[in-house]
Protein backbone atom coordinates (compact mmCIF):
# COMPACT_ATOMS: atom_id res chain seq x y z
CA UNK A 1 91.12 109.03 184.46
CA UNK A 2 87.94 107.39 183.07
CA UNK A 3 87.93 106.45 179.71
CA UNK A 4 85.63 106.01 176.75
CA UNK A 5 85.27 104.11 173.20
CA UNK A 6 82.96 105.56 170.24
CA UNK A 7 80.48 103.40 168.72
CA UNK A 8 79.08 106.38 166.49
CA UNK A 9 80.20 108.92 164.46
CA UNK A 10 79.54 112.48 165.46
CA UNK A 11 80.95 115.75 166.68
CA UNK A 12 81.62 117.49 169.78
CA UNK A 13 82.90 120.63 171.01
CA UNK A 14 85.15 118.47 173.58
CA UNK A 15 86.76 116.55 171.50
CA UNK A 16 85.76 117.62 167.57
CA UNK A 17 85.07 115.07 164.69
CA UNK A 18 84.94 111.44 166.41
CA UNK A 19 84.16 108.14 165.01
CA UNK A 20 83.26 104.54 165.84
CA UNK A 21 86.57 103.09 168.04
CA UNK A 22 87.92 106.64 168.38
CA UNK A 23 88.77 106.76 172.61
CA UNK A 24 88.64 110.04 174.41
CA UNK A 25 90.45 109.96 178.29
CA UNK A 26 88.80 112.78 180.28
CA UNK A 27 86.94 114.03 182.83
CA UNK A 28 84.13 111.57 184.68
CA UNK A 29 81.25 114.02 183.61
CA UNK A 30 82.33 114.33 180.63
CA UNK A 31 83.01 110.62 179.97
CA UNK A 32 79.07 109.96 181.64
CA UNK A 33 77.77 113.02 179.36
CA UNK A 34 78.90 110.63 176.26
CA UNK A 35 77.72 106.89 177.39
CA UNK A 36 74.51 108.12 179.31
CA UNK A 37 73.04 111.20 177.88
CA UNK A 38 73.94 110.90 174.10
CA UNK A 39 74.41 107.52 174.05
CA UNK A 40 77.25 107.59 171.42
CA UNK A 41 80.42 105.95 173.52
CA UNK A 42 80.59 103.13 176.05
CA UNK A 43 83.09 102.31 179.02
CA UNK A 44 86.32 101.20 177.58
CA UNK A 45 86.69 98.39 179.71
CA UNK A 46 90.67 97.96 179.09
CA UNK A 47 91.27 101.20 180.62
CA UNK A 48 89.14 100.65 183.71
CA UNK A 49 90.59 97.73 184.71
CA UNK A 50 94.45 98.78 184.43
CA UNK A 51 95.50 96.25 181.74
CA UNK A 52 96.65 99.30 179.30
CA UNK A 53 98.39 102.60 179.93
CA UNK A 54 98.07 105.80 177.42
CA UNK A 55 101.35 106.21 175.14
CA UNK A 56 103.61 108.98 176.56
CA UNK A 57 104.20 111.23 173.59
CA UNK A 58 107.87 113.10 173.35
CA UNK A 59 107.96 116.32 174.43
CA UNK A 60 107.68 119.34 171.00
CA UNK A 61 110.66 121.39 170.78
CA UNK A 62 109.51 125.10 170.98
CA UNK A 63 110.61 127.97 169.41
CA UNK A 64 112.46 129.10 172.45
CA UNK A 65 114.07 125.80 173.07
CA UNK A 66 115.35 126.44 169.40
CA UNK A 67 116.21 130.09 169.92
CA UNK A 68 118.67 128.55 172.62
CA UNK A 69 120.71 126.02 170.99
CA UNK A 70 123.93 127.15 169.21
CA UNK A 71 124.29 128.41 165.70
CA UNK A 72 125.65 125.57 163.36
CA UNK A 73 129.06 126.33 161.78
CA UNK A 74 129.63 126.36 158.55
CA UNK A 75 132.96 125.25 157.43
């Protein structure tokens, strides 16, 4: 997926508030809009060349997962 790095401060309904240095990974059309139309971002060359990969985030525990957990014993 394409990635851009913002060069200005602003707001978008896609990403919310952003500042210079923030990055966005998304669709080709959205990234092109930020770079070419809005001129508030530039292509992130590190991502494009494949030298860096996004960090994987651990899955968050859900209420359903907590409900299936065994009850704690008090003793």
